[in-house]
PDB file of N, CA and C in Angstrom:
ATOM      1  N   MET A   1      -4.884 -19.830  10.132  1.00  0.00           N
ATOM      2  CA  MET A   1      -5.971 -19.263  10.893  1.00  0.00           C
ATOM      3  C   MET A   1      -7.003 -20.360  11.115  1.00  0.00           C
ATOM      4  N   ASP A   2      -7.024 -20.937  12.280  1.00  0.00           N
ATOM      5  CA  ASP A   2      -7.967 -21.997  12.607  1.00  0.00           C
ATOM      6  C   ASP A   2      -9.126 -21.387  13.371  1.00  0.00           C
ATOM      7  N   GLN A   3     -10.125 -20.924  12.625  1.00  0.00           N
ATOM      8  CA  GLN A   3     -11.260 -20.235  13.234  1.00  0.00           C
ATOM      9  C   GLN A   3     -12.441 -21.177  13.369  1.00  0.00           C
ATOM     10  N   SER A   4     -13.166 -21.036  14.431  1.00  0.00           N
ATOM     11  CA  SER A   4     -14.419 -21.760  14.579  1.00  0.00           C
ATOM     12  C   SER A   4     -15.529 -20.892  14.014  1.00  0.00           C
ATOM     13  N   ALA A   5     -16.258 -21.429  13.053  1.00  0.00           N
ATOM     14  CA  ALA A   5     -17.315 -20.662  12.410  1.00  0.00           C
ATOM     15  C   ALA A   5     -18.419 -20.286  13.389  1.00  0.00           C
ATOM     16  N   SER A   6     -18.462 -20.940  14.541  1.00  0.00           N
ATOM     17  CA  SER A   6     -19.494 -20.616  15.515  1.00  0.00           C
ATOM     18  C   SER A   6     -19.096 -19.444  16.417  1.00  0.00           C
ATOM     19  N   SER A   7     -17.888 -18.918  16.245  1.00  0.00           N
ATOM     20  CA  SER A   7     -17.437 -17.789  17.045  1.00  0.00           C
ATOM     21  C   SER A   7     -18.315 -16.573  16.777  1.00  0.00           C
ATOM     22  N   GLU A   8     -18.478 -15.744  17.790  1.00  0.00           N
ATOM     23  CA  GLU A   8     -19.251 -14.516  17.660  1.00  0.00           C
ATOM     24  C   GLU A   8     -18.533 -13.569  16.697  1.00  0.00           C
ATOM     25  N   VAL A   9     -19.301 -12.965  15.798  1.00  0.00           N
ATOM     26  CA  VAL A   9     -18.745 -12.026  14.824  1.00  0.00           C
ATOM     27  C   VAL A   9     -19.301 -10.649  15.112  1.00  0.00           C
ATOM     28  N   GLU A  10     -18.404  -9.689  15.267  1.00  0.00           N
ATOM     29  CA  GLU A  10     -18.769  -8.287  15.492  1.00  0.00           C
ATOM     30  C   GLU A  10     -18.437  -7.509  14.224  1.00  0.00           C
ATOM     31  N   VAL A  11     -19.371  -6.686  13.762  1.00  0.00           N
ATOM     32  CA  VAL A  11     -19.107  -5.782  12.651  1.00  0.00           C
ATOM     33  C   VAL A  11     -18.971  -4.391  13.232  1.00  0.00           C
ATOM     34  N   ARG A  12     -17.874  -3.728  12.882  1.00  0.00           N
ATOM     35  CA  ARG A  12     -17.606  -2.391  13.404  1.00  0.00           C
ATOM     36  C   ARG A  12     -16.897  -1.557  12.349  1.00  0.00           C
ATOM     37  N   PRO A  13     -16.886  -0.227  12.532  1.00  0.00           N
ATOM     38  CA  PRO A  13     -16.152   0.619  11.594  1.00  0.00           C
ATOM     39  C   PRO A  13     -14.662   0.267  11.599  1.00  0.00           C
ATOM     40  N   VAL A  14     -14.072   0.328  10.430  1.00  0.00           N
ATOM     41  CA  VAL A  14     -12.637   0.080  10.316  1.00  0.00           C
ATOM     42  C   VAL A  14     -11.888   1.299  10.857  1.00  0.00           C
ATOM     43  N   THR A  15     -10.703   1.079  11.391  1.00  0.00           N
ATOM     44  CA  THR A  15      -9.851   2.175  11.859  1.00  0.00           C
ATOM     45  C   THR A  15      -8.538   2.135  11.080  1.00  0.00           C
ATOM     46  N   THR A  16      -7.820   3.230  11.130  1.00  0.00           N
ATOM     47  CA  THR A  16      -6.517   3.280  10.472  1.00  0.00           C
ATOM     48  C   THR A  16      -5.596   2.195  11.031  1.00  0.00           C
ATOM     49  N   ALA A  17      -5.712   1.905  12.317  1.00  0.00           N
ATOM     50  CA  ALA A  17      -4.880   0.861  12.935  1.00  0.00           C
ATOM     51  C   ALA A  17      -5.187  -0.520  12.360  1.00  0.00           C
ATOM     52  N   ASP A  18      -6.392  -0.712  11.817  1.00  0.00           N
ATOM     53  CA  ASP A  18      -6.782  -1.991  11.220  1.00  0.00           C
ATOM     54  C   ASP A  18      -6.166  -2.214   9.839  1.00  0.00           C
ATOM     55  N   LEU A  19      -5.710  -1.164   9.188  1.00  0.00           N
ATOM     56  CA  LEU A  19      -5.357  -1.256   7.774  1.00  0.00           C
ATOM     57  C   LEU A  19      -4.293  -2.302   7.434  1.00  0.00           C
ATOM     58  N   PRO A  20      -3.234  -2.471   8.233  1.00  0.00           N
ATOM     59  CA  PRO A  20      -2.287  -3.544   7.887  1.00  0.00           C
ATOM     60  C   PRO A  20      -2.950  -4.919   7.867  1.00  0.00           C
ATOM     61  N   LYS A  21      -3.832  -5.176   8.827  1.00  0.00           N
ATOM     62  CA  LYS A  21      -4.538  -6.462   8.859  1.00  0.00           C
ATOM     63  C   LYS A  21      -5.565  -6.562   7.738  1.00  0.00           C
ATOM     64  N   VAL A  22      -6.197  -5.449   7.377  1.00  0.00           N
ATOM     65  CA  VAL A  22      -7.138  -5.451   6.258  1.00  0.00           C
ATOM     66  C   VAL A  22      -6.387  -5.780   4.973  1.00  0.00           C
ATOM     67  N   ALA A  23      -5.234  -5.149   4.769  1.00  0.00           N
ATOM     68  CA  ALA A  23      -4.434  -5.423   3.571  1.00  0.00           C
ATOM     69  C   ALA A  23      -4.052  -6.900   3.502  1.00  0.00           C
ATOM     70  N   GLU A  24      -3.660  -7.452   4.626  1.00  0.00           N
ATOM     71  CA  GLU A  24      -3.310  -8.873   4.687  1.00  0.00           C
ATOM     72  C   GLU A  24      -4.536  -9.745   4.421  1.00  0.00           C
ATOM     73  N   PHE A  25      -5.678  -9.354   4.977  1.00  0.00           N
ATOM     74  CA  PHE A  25      -6.906 -10.125   4.810  1.00  0.00           C
ATOM     75  C   PHE A  25      -7.351 -10.171   3.351  1.00  0.00           C
ATOM     76  N   ILE A  26      -7.295  -9.033   2.652  1.00  0.00           N
ATOM     77  CA  ILE A  26      -7.811  -9.012   1.279  1.00  0.00           C
ATOM     78  C   ILE A  26      -6.823  -9.583   0.261  1.00  0.00           C
ATOM     79  N   GLU A  27      -5.572  -9.749   0.649  1.00  0.00           N
ATOM     80  CA  GLU A  27      -4.539 -10.233  -0.274  1.00  0.00           C
ATOM     81  C   GLU A  27      -4.933 -11.522  -1.017  1.00  0.00           C
ATOM     82  N   PRO A  28      -5.439 -12.562  -0.331  1.00  0.00           N
ATOM     83  CA  PRO A  28      -5.836 -13.771  -1.068  1.00  0.00           C
ATOM     84  C   PRO A  28      -6.977 -13.523  -2.057  1.00  0.00           C
ATOM     85  N   PHE A  29      -7.898 -12.620  -1.732  1.00  0.00           N
ATOM     86  CA  PHE A  29      -9.007 -12.308  -2.629  1.00  0.00           C
ATOM     87  C   PHE A  29      -8.487 -11.603  -3.884  1.00  0.00           C
ATOM     88  N   VAL A  30      -7.470 -10.761  -3.715  1.00  0.00           N
ATOM     89  CA  VAL A  30      -6.832 -10.096  -4.855  1.00  0.00           C
ATOM     90  C   VAL A  30      -6.124 -11.140  -5.713  1.00  0.00           C
ATOM     91  N   ALA A  31      -5.385 -12.050  -5.072  1.00  0.00           N
ATOM     92  CA  ALA A  31      -4.649 -13.091  -5.798  1.00  0.00           C
ATOM     93  C   ALA A  31      -5.596 -13.978  -6.613  1.00  0.00           C
ATOM     94  N   GLN A  32      -6.813 -14.189  -6.114  1.00  0.00           N
ATOM     95  CA  GLN A  32      -7.811 -15.004  -6.815  1.00  0.00           C
ATOM     96  C   GLN A  32      -8.569 -14.210  -7.874  1.00  0.00           C
ATOM     97  N   GLY A  33      -8.311 -12.908  -7.959  1.00  0.00           N
ATOM     98  CA  GLY A  33      -9.017 -12.065  -8.921  1.00  0.00           C
ATOM     99  C   GLY A  33     -10.414 -11.681  -8.479  1.00  0.00           C
ATOM    100  N   ARG A  34     -10.705 -11.860  -7.192  1.00  0.00           N
ATOM    101  CA  ARG A  34     -12.041 -11.528  -6.670  1.00  0.00           C
ATOM    102  C   ARG A  34     -12.155 -10.069  -6.250  1.00  0.00           C
ATOM    103  N   LEU A  35     -11.033  -9.460  -5.892  1.00  0.00           N
ATOM    104  CA  LEU A  35     -10.995  -8.041  -5.531  1.00  0.00           C
ATOM    105  C   LEU A  35      -9.869  -7.366  -6.293  1.00  0.00           C
ATOM    106  N   LEU A  36     -10.041  -6.073  -6.510  1.00  0.00           N
ATOM    107  CA  LEU A  36      -8.964  -5.285  -7.102  1.00  0.00           C
ATOM    108  C   LEU A  36      -7.901  -5.011  -6.044  1.00  0.00           C
ATOM    109  N   PRO A  37      -6.650  -4.928  -6.455  1.00  0.00           N
ATOM    110  CA  PRO A  37      -5.610  -4.592  -5.486  1.00  0.00           C
ATOM    111  C   PRO A  37      -5.827  -3.180  -4.940  1.00  0.00           C
ATOM    112  N   ARG A  38      -5.451  -2.963  -3.698  1.00  0.00           N
ATOM    113  CA  ARG A  38      -5.588  -1.661  -3.047  1.00  0.00           C
ATOM    114  C   ARG A  38      -4.239  -1.247  -2.471  1.00  0.00           C
ATOM    115  N   THR A  39      -3.829  -0.018  -2.784  1.00  0.00           N
ATOM    116  CA  THR A  39      -2.623   0.526  -2.166  1.00  0.00           C
ATOM    117  C   THR A  39      -2.978   0.977  -0.753  1.00  0.00           C
ATOM    118  N   ARG A  40      -1.969   1.275   0.035  1.00  0.00           N
ATOM    119  CA  ARG A  40      -2.221   1.783   1.392  1.00  0.00           C
ATOM    120  C   ARG A  40      -3.013   3.090   1.324  1.00  0.00           C
ATOM    121  N   GLU A  41      -2.703   3.927   0.339  1.00  0.00           N
ATOM    122  CA  GLU A  41      -3.417   5.194   0.193  1.00  0.00           C
ATOM    123  C   GLU A  41      -4.888   4.951  -0.142  1.00  0.00           C
ATOM    124  N   GLU A  42      -5.160   3.972  -1.004  1.00  0.00           N
ATOM    125  CA  GLU A  42      -6.549   3.657  -1.338  1.00  0.00           C
ATOM    126  C   GLU A  42      -7.293   3.107  -0.122  1.00  0.00           C
ATOM    127  N   LEU A  43      -6.631   2.278   0.658  1.00  0.00           N
ATOM    128  CA  LEU A  43      -7.263   1.777   1.889  1.00  0.00           C
ATOM    129  C   LEU A  43      -7.539   2.923   2.858  1.00  0.00           C
ATOM    130  N   ASP A  44      -6.595   3.864   2.965  1.00  0.00           N
ATOM    131  CA  ASP A  44      -6.805   5.042   3.821  1.00  0.00           C
ATOM    132  C   ASP A  44      -8.086   5.775   3.424  1.00  0.00           C
ATOM    133  N   GLU A  45      -8.342   5.886   2.113  1.00  0.00           N
ATOM    134  CA  GLU A  45      -9.522   6.589   1.626  1.00  0.00           C
ATOM    135  C   GLU A  45     -10.808   5.838   1.962  1.00  0.00           C
ATOM    136  N   LEU A  46     -10.714   4.522   2.188  1.00  0.00           N
ATOM    137  CA  LEU A  46     -11.900   3.722   2.501  1.00  0.00           C
ATOM    138  C   LEU A  46     -12.256   3.748   3.991  1.00  0.00           C
ATOM    139  N   VAL A  47     -11.358   4.239   4.821  1.00  0.00           N
ATOM    140  CA  VAL A  47     -11.575   4.211   6.278  1.00  0.00           C
ATOM    141  C   VAL A  47     -12.854   4.924   6.725  1.00  0.00           C
ATOM    142  N   PRO A  48     -13.171   6.117   6.225  1.00  0.00           N
ATOM    143  CA  PRO A  48     -14.359   6.803   6.752  1.00  0.00           C
ATOM    144  C   PRO A  48     -15.660   6.017   6.592  1.00  0.00           C
ATOM    145  N   HIS A  49     -15.723   5.148   5.599  1.00  0.00           N
ATOM    146  CA  HIS A  49     -16.956   4.408   5.344  1.00  0.00           C
ATOM    147  C   HIS A  49     -16.683   2.912   5.188  1.00  0.00           C
ATOM    148  N   GLY A  50     -15.648   2.417   5.865  1.00  0.00           N
ATOM    149  CA  GLY A  50     -15.316   0.998   5.798  1.00  0.00           C
ATOM    150  C   GLY A  50     -15.710   0.283   7.077  1.00  0.00           C
ATOM    151  N   PHE A  51     -15.915  -1.023   6.954  1.00  0.00           N
ATOM    152  CA  PHE A  51     -16.316  -1.845   8.100  1.00  0.00           C
ATOM    153  C   PHE A  51     -15.561  -3.168   8.061  1.00  0.00           C
ATOM    154  N   VAL A  52     -15.265  -3.684   9.241  1.00  0.00           N
ATOM    155  CA  VAL A  52     -14.657  -5.009   9.362  1.00  0.00           C
ATOM    156  C   VAL A  52     -15.569  -5.897  10.184  1.00  0.00           C
ATOM    157  N   ALA A  53     -15.528  -7.182   9.859  1.00  0.00           N
ATOM    158  CA  ALA A  53     -16.159  -8.203  10.683  1.00  0.00           C
ATOM    159  C   ALA A  53     -15.020  -8.863  11.435  1.00  0.00           C
ATOM    160  N   VAL A  54     -15.168  -8.979  12.751  1.00  0.00           N
ATOM    161  CA  VAL A  54     -14.093  -9.487  13.597  1.00  0.00           C
ATOM    162  C   VAL A  54     -14.609 -10.645  14.444  1.00  0.00           C
ATOM    163  N   SER A  55     -13.808 -11.705  14.532  1.00  0.00           N
ATOM    164  CA  SER A  55     -14.098 -12.843  15.393  1.00  0.00           C
ATOM    165  C   SER A  55     -12.802 -13.231  16.097  1.00  0.00           C
ATOM    166  N   ASP A  56     -12.846 -13.340  17.398  1.00  0.00           N
ATOM    167  CA  ASP A  56     -11.647 -13.681  18.175  1.00  0.00           C
ATOM    168  C   ASP A  56     -10.463 -12.787  17.810  1.00  0.00           C
ATOM    169  N   ASN A  57     -10.724 -11.485  17.687  1.00  0.00           N
ATOM    170  CA  ASN A  57      -9.706 -10.473  17.368  1.00  0.00           C
ATOM    171  C   ASN A  57      -9.051 -10.642  16.006  1.00  0.00           C
ATOM    172  N   GLU A  58      -9.663 -11.430  15.125  1.00  0.00           N
ATOM    173  CA  GLU A  58      -9.165 -11.603  13.757  1.00  0.00           C
ATOM    174  C   GLU A  58     -10.192 -11.043  12.778  1.00  0.00           C
ATOM    175  N   ILE A  59      -9.722 -10.362  11.741  1.00  0.00           N
ATOM    176  CA  ILE A  59     -10.615  -9.860  10.704  1.00  0.00           C
ATOM    177  C   ILE A  59     -11.086 -11.036   9.860  1.00  0.00           C
ATOM    178  N   VAL A  60     -12.407 -11.182   9.753  1.00  0.00           N
ATOM    179  CA  VAL A  60     -12.999 -12.263   8.958  1.00  0.00           C
ATOM    180  C   VAL A  60     -13.864 -11.712   7.829  1.00  0.00           C
ATOM    181  N   GLY A  61     -13.939 -10.382   7.722  1.00  0.00           N
ATOM    182  CA  GLY A  61     -14.695  -9.762   6.649  1.00  0.00           C
ATOM    183  C   GLY A  61     -14.357  -8.291   6.537  1.00  0.00           C
ATOM    184  N   PHE A  62     -14.558  -7.750   5.340  1.00  0.00           N
ATOM    185  CA  PHE A  62     -14.279  -6.336   5.086  1.00  0.00           C
ATOM    186  C   PHE A  62     -15.209  -5.840   3.996  1.00  0.00           C
ATOM    187  N   VAL A  63     -15.585  -4.575   4.100  1.00  0.00           N
ATOM    188  CA  VAL A  63     -16.382  -3.908   3.079  1.00  0.00           C
ATOM    189  C   VAL A  63     -16.180  -2.402   3.234  1.00  0.00           C
ATOM    190  N   ALA A  64     -16.423  -1.680   2.147  1.00  0.00           N
ATOM    191  CA  ALA A  64     -16.378  -0.218   2.214  1.00  0.00           C
ATOM    192  C   ALA A  64     -17.489   0.345   1.345  1.00  0.00           C
ATOM    193  N   LEU A  65     -17.976   1.497   1.732  1.00  0.00           N
ATOM    194  CA  LEU A  65     -18.979   2.225   0.967  1.00  0.00           C
ATOM    195  C   LEU A  65     -18.266   3.380   0.267  1.00  0.00           C
ATOM    196  N   GLU A  66     -18.408   3.452  -1.022  1.00  0.00           N
ATOM    197  CA  GLU A  66     -17.864   4.567  -1.794  1.00  0.00           C
ATOM    198  C   GLU A  66     -19.018   5.492  -2.126  1.00  0.00           C
ATOM    199  N   VAL A  67     -18.965   6.721  -1.631  1.00  0.00           N
ATOM    200  CA  VAL A  67     -20.044   7.689  -1.843  1.00  0.00           C
ATOM    201  C   VAL A  67     -19.616   8.647  -2.948  1.00  0.00           C
ATOM    202  N   TYR A  68     -20.428   8.690  -4.003  1.00  0.00           N
ATOM    203  CA  TYR A  68     -20.142   9.570  -5.133  1.00  0.00           C
ATOM    204  C   TYR A  68     -20.970  10.845  -5.084  1.00  0.00           C
ATOM    205  N   SER A  69     -22.214  10.724  -4.618  1.00  0.00           N
ATOM    206  CA  SER A  69     -23.104  11.880  -4.533  1.00  0.00           C
ATOM    207  C   SER A  69     -24.268  11.503  -3.619  1.00  0.00           C
ATOM    208  N   ARG A  70     -25.217  12.433  -3.454  1.00  0.00           N
ATOM    209  CA  ARG A  70     -26.402  12.137  -2.635  1.00  0.00           C
ATOM    210  C   ARG A  70     -27.297  11.092  -3.308  1.00  0.00           C
ATOM    211  N   LYS A  71     -27.047  10.820  -4.574  1.00  0.00           N
ATOM    212  CA  LYS A  71     -27.867   9.855  -5.300  1.00  0.00           C
ATOM    213  C   LYS A  71     -27.113   8.574  -5.661  1.00  0.00           C
ATOM    214  N   LEU A  72     -25.796   8.545  -5.431  1.00  0.00           N
ATOM    215  CA  LEU A  72     -25.037   7.391  -5.896  1.00  0.00           C
ATOM    216  C   LEU A  72     -23.936   6.996  -4.914  1.00  0.00           C
ATOM    217  N   ALA A  73     -23.998   5.743  -4.496  1.00  0.00           N
ATOM    218  CA  ALA A  73     -22.949   5.156  -3.662  1.00  0.00           C
ATOM    219  C   ALA A  73     -22.864   3.685  -4.035  1.00  0.00           C
ATOM    220  N   GLU A  74     -21.731   3.078  -3.785  1.00  0.00           N
ATOM    221  CA  GLU A  74     -21.604   1.658  -4.083  1.00  0.00           C
ATOM    222  C   GLU A  74     -20.827   0.940  -2.992  1.00  0.00           C
ATOM    223  N   VAL A  75     -21.141  -0.335  -2.849  1.00  0.00           N
ATOM    224  CA  VAL A  75     -20.420  -1.215  -1.933  1.00  0.00           C
ATOM    225  C   VAL A  75     -19.165  -1.671  -2.655  1.00  0.00           C
ATOM    226  N   ARG A  76     -18.015  -1.557  -1.972  1.00  0.00           N
ATOM    227  CA  ARG A  76     -16.742  -1.933  -2.586  1.00  0.00           C
ATOM    228  C   ARG A  76     -15.989  -2.907  -1.698  1.00  0.00           C
ATOM    229  N   SER A  77     -15.210  -3.736  -2.336  1.00  0.00           N
ATOM    230  CA  SER A  77     -14.263  -4.620  -1.660  1.00  0.00           C
ATOM    231  C   SER A  77     -14.905  -5.536  -0.626  1.00  0.00           C
ATOM    232  N   LEU A  78     -16.093  -6.050  -0.915  1.00  0.00           N
ATOM    233  CA  LEU A  78     -16.755  -6.973   0.007  1.00  0.00           C
ATOM    234  C   LEU A  78     -16.047  -8.321  -0.028  1.00  0.00           C
ATOM    235  N   ALA A  79     -15.578  -8.758   1.130  1.00  0.00           N
ATOM    236  CA  ALA A  79     -14.895 -10.049   1.241  1.00  0.00           C
ATOM    237  C   ALA A  79     -15.193 -10.650   2.610  1.00  0.00           C
ATOM    238  N   VAL A  80     -15.461 -11.959   2.610  1.00  0.00           N
ATOM    239  CA  VAL A  80     -15.716 -12.699   3.849  1.00  0.00           C
ATOM    240  C   VAL A  80     -14.868 -13.962   3.812  1.00  0.00           C
ATOM    241  N   SER A  81     -14.201 -14.243   4.916  1.00  0.00           N
ATOM    242  CA  SER A  81     -13.397 -15.449   5.047  1.00  0.00           C
ATOM    243  C   SER A  81     -14.244 -16.683   4.755  1.00  0.00           C
ATOM    244  N   SER A  82     -13.652 -17.658   4.076  1.00  0.00           N
ATOM    245  CA  SER A  82     -14.415 -18.852   3.685  1.00  0.00           C
ATOM    246  C   SER A  82     -15.043 -19.564   4.882  1.00  0.00           C
ATOM    247  N   GLN A  83     -14.403 -19.512   6.052  1.00  0.00           N
ATOM    248  CA  GLN A  83     -14.948 -20.177   7.241  1.00  0.00           C
ATOM    249  C   GLN A  83     -16.206 -19.498   7.768  1.00  0.00           C
ATOM    250  N   PHE A  84     -16.465 -18.271   7.320  1.00  0.00           N
ATOM    251  CA  PHE A  84     -17.594 -17.502   7.852  1.00  0.00           C
ATOM    252  C   PHE A  84     -18.650 -17.196   6.800  1.00  0.00           C
ATOM    253  N   ARG A  85     -18.528 -17.804   5.630  1.00  0.00           N
ATOM    254  CA  ARG A  85     -19.525 -17.577   4.586  1.00  0.00           C
ATOM    255  C   ARG A  85     -20.811 -18.320   4.912  1.00  0.00           C
ATOM    256  N   ARG A  86     -21.902 -17.809   4.351  1.00  0.00           N
ATOM    257  CA  ARG A  86     -23.240 -18.396   4.522  1.00  0.00           C
ATOM    258  C   ARG A  86     -23.709 -18.373   5.976  1.00  0.00           C
ATOM    259  N   GLN A  87     -23.221 -17.376   6.713  1.00  0.00           N
ATOM    260  CA  GLN A  87     -23.627 -17.215   8.110  1.00  0.00           C
ATOM    261  C   GLN A  87     -24.130 -15.803   8.387  1.00  0.00           C
ATOM    262  N   GLY A  88     -24.361 -15.037   7.330  1.00  0.00           N
ATOM    263  CA  GLY A  88     -24.891 -13.696   7.496  1.00  0.00           C
ATOM    264  C   GLY A  88     -23.850 -12.610   7.708  1.00  0.00           C
ATOM    265  N   VAL A  89     -22.569 -12.959   7.643  1.00  0.00           N
ATOM    266  CA  VAL A  89     -21.514 -11.953   7.864  1.00  0.00           C
ATOM    267  C   VAL A  89     -21.526 -10.928   6.734  1.00  0.00           C
ATOM    268  N   GLY A  90     -21.613 -11.390   5.488  1.00  0.00           N
ATOM    269  CA  GLY A  90     -21.666 -10.468   4.358  1.00  0.00           C
ATOM    270  C   GLY A  90     -22.873  -9.551   4.446  1.00  0.00           C
ATOM    271  N   LYS A  91     -24.015 -10.100   4.846  1.00  0.00           N
ATOM    272  CA  LYS A  91     -25.229  -9.295   5.002  1.00  0.00           C
ATOM    273  C   LYS A  91     -25.033  -8.218   6.067  1.00  0.00           C
ATOM    274  N   LYS A  92     -24.415  -8.584   7.193  1.00  0.00           N
ATOM    275  CA  LYS A  92     -24.154  -7.592   8.244  1.00  0.00           C
ATOM    276  C   LYS A  92     -23.245  -6.481   7.722  1.00  0.00           C
ATOM    277  N   LEU A  93     -22.236  -6.856   6.937  1.00  0.00           N
ATOM    278  CA  LEU A  93     -21.322  -5.854   6.377  1.00  0.00           C
ATOM    279  C   LEU A  93     -22.068  -4.920   5.421  1.00  0.00           C
ATOM    280  N   VAL A  94     -22.875  -5.488   4.518  1.00  0.00           N
ATOM    281  CA  VAL A  94     -23.630  -4.671   3.567  1.00  0.00           C
ATOM    282  C   VAL A  94     -24.650  -3.810   4.309  1.00  0.00           C
ATOM    283  N   ASP A  95     -25.314  -4.371   5.314  1.00  0.00           N
ATOM    284  CA  ASP A  95     -26.271  -3.593   6.104  1.00  0.00           C
ATOM    285  C   ASP A  95     -25.589  -2.391   6.763  1.00  0.00           C
ATOM    286  N   SER A  96     -24.342  -2.560   7.182  1.00  0.00           N
ATOM    287  CA  SER A  96     -23.588  -1.446   7.770  1.00  0.00           C
ATOM    288  C   SER A  96     -23.364  -0.350   6.740  1.00  0.00           C
ATOM    289  N   CYS A  97     -23.094  -0.735   5.494  1.00  0.00           N
ATOM    290  CA  CYS A  97     -22.919   0.246   4.422  1.00  0.00           C
ATOM    291  C   CYS A  97     -24.226   0.971   4.127  1.00  0.00           C
ATOM    292  N   VAL A  98     -25.326   0.234   4.095  1.00  0.00           N
ATOM    293  CA  VAL A  98     -26.637   0.843   3.833  1.00  0.00           C
ATOM    294  C   VAL A  98     -26.981   1.832   4.946  1.00  0.00           C
ATOM    295  N   ALA A  99     -26.701   1.441   6.190  1.00  0.00           N
ATOM    296  CA  ALA A  99     -26.961   2.344   7.325  1.00  0.00           C
ATOM    297  C   ALA A  99     -26.100   3.599   7.217  1.00  0.00           C
ATOM    298  N   ARG A 100     -24.825   3.442   6.841  1.00  0.00           N
ATOM    299  CA  ARG A 100     -23.950   4.612   6.695  1.00  0.00           C
ATOM    300  C   ARG A 100     -24.448   5.508   5.579  1.00  0.00           C
ATOM    301  N   ALA A 101     -24.855   4.931   4.464  1.00  0.00           N
ATOM    302  CA  ALA A 101     -25.385   5.731   3.357  1.00  0.00           C
ATOM    303  C   ALA A 101     -26.609   6.521   3.814  1.00  0.00           C
ATOM    304  N   SER A 102     -27.469   5.877   4.575  1.00  0.00           N
ATOM    305  CA  SER A 102     -28.656   6.543   5.095  1.00  0.00           C
ATOM    306  C   SER A 102     -28.268   7.697   6.019  1.00  0.00           C
ATOM    307  N   GLU A 103     -27.299   7.465   6.904  1.00  0.00           N
ATOM    308  CA  GLU A 103     -26.807   8.521   7.801  1.00  0.00           C
ATOM    309  C   GLU A 103     -26.293   9.726   7.016  1.00  0.00           C
ATOM    310  N   LEU A 104     -25.684   9.453   5.859  1.00  0.00           N
ATOM    311  CA  LEU A 104     -25.101  10.510   5.038  1.00  0.00           C
ATOM    312  C   LEU A 104     -26.126  11.166   4.117  1.00  0.00           C
ATOM    313  N   GLY A 105     -27.371  10.679   4.147  1.00  0.00           N
ATOM    314  CA  GLY A 105     -28.421  11.254   3.326  1.00  0.00           C
ATOM    315  C   GLY A 105     -28.411  10.767   1.890  1.00  0.00           C
ATOM    316  N   VAL A 106     -27.695   9.683   1.612  1.00  0.00           N
ATOM    317  CA  VAL A 106     -27.699   9.122   0.276  1.00  0.00           C
ATOM    318  C   VAL A 106     -29.043   8.425   0.065  1.00  0.00           C
ATOM    319  N   GLN A 107     -29.677   8.694  -1.051  1.00  0.00           N
ATOM    320  CA  GLN A 107     -30.956   8.060  -1.339  1.00  0.00           C
ATOM    321  C   GLN A 107     -30.754   6.571  -1.510  1.00  0.00           C
ATOM    322  N   ILE A 108     -31.529   5.800  -0.784  1.00  0.00           N
ATOM    323  CA  ILE A 108     -31.410   4.345  -0.821  1.00  0.00           C
ATOM    324  C   ILE A 108     -32.410   3.789  -1.823  1.00  0.00           C
ATOM    325  N   GLY A 109     -31.916   2.995  -2.723  1.00  0.00           N
ATOM    326  CA  GLY A 109     -32.773   2.360  -3.719  1.00  0.00           C
ATOM    327  C   GLY A 109     -32.120   1.074  -4.167  1.00  0.00           C
ATOM    328  N   ARG A 110     -32.725   0.408  -5.056  1.00  0.00           N
ATOM    329  CA  ARG A 110     -32.204  -0.849  -5.584  1.00  0.00           C
ATOM    330  C   ARG A 110     -31.534  -0.597  -6.929  1.00  0.00           C
ATOM    331  N   ALA A 111     -30.418  -1.291  -7.154  1.00  0.00           N
ATOM    332  CA  ALA A 111     -29.751  -1.198  -8.446  1.00  0.00           C
ATOM    333  C   ALA A 111     -30.607  -1.892  -9.504  1.00  0.00           C
ATOM    334  N   HIS A 112     -30.613  -1.340 -10.684  1.00  0.00           N
ATOM    335  CA  HIS A 112     -31.358  -1.952 -11.798  1.00  0.00           C
ATOM    336  C   HIS A 112     -30.370  -2.699 -12.660  1.00  0.00           C
ATOM    337  N   VAL A 113     -30.667  -3.949 -12.903  1.00  0.00           N
ATOM    338  CA  VAL A 113     -29.765  -4.795 -13.689  1.00  0.00           C
ATOM    339  C   VAL A 113     -30.353  -4.998 -15.069  1.00  0.00           C
TER     340      VAL A 113
END
């Protein structure tokens, strides 16, 4: 994948049709121990609140929001291609999750560490 980091990146909701490419995209992150492995069924469950970052019709980022209740949700499986890191792609993906949580009425707050 010879991507130009200056390519325009679009963040959009993930679709079921994206899932084979999402699985392929996250595979190296799983191999590195950066993400947990996901079965096709688990990826299917992430579709309603998942987002992809796309550049030149290639997935360059992925994230999903897991909603547990009106008070608790978490960002899951955040991954950005190395060619697109430090360019705000991860922030756009997380912002999409925060916006979705807000749409769903999940109380937005900061995690306490």
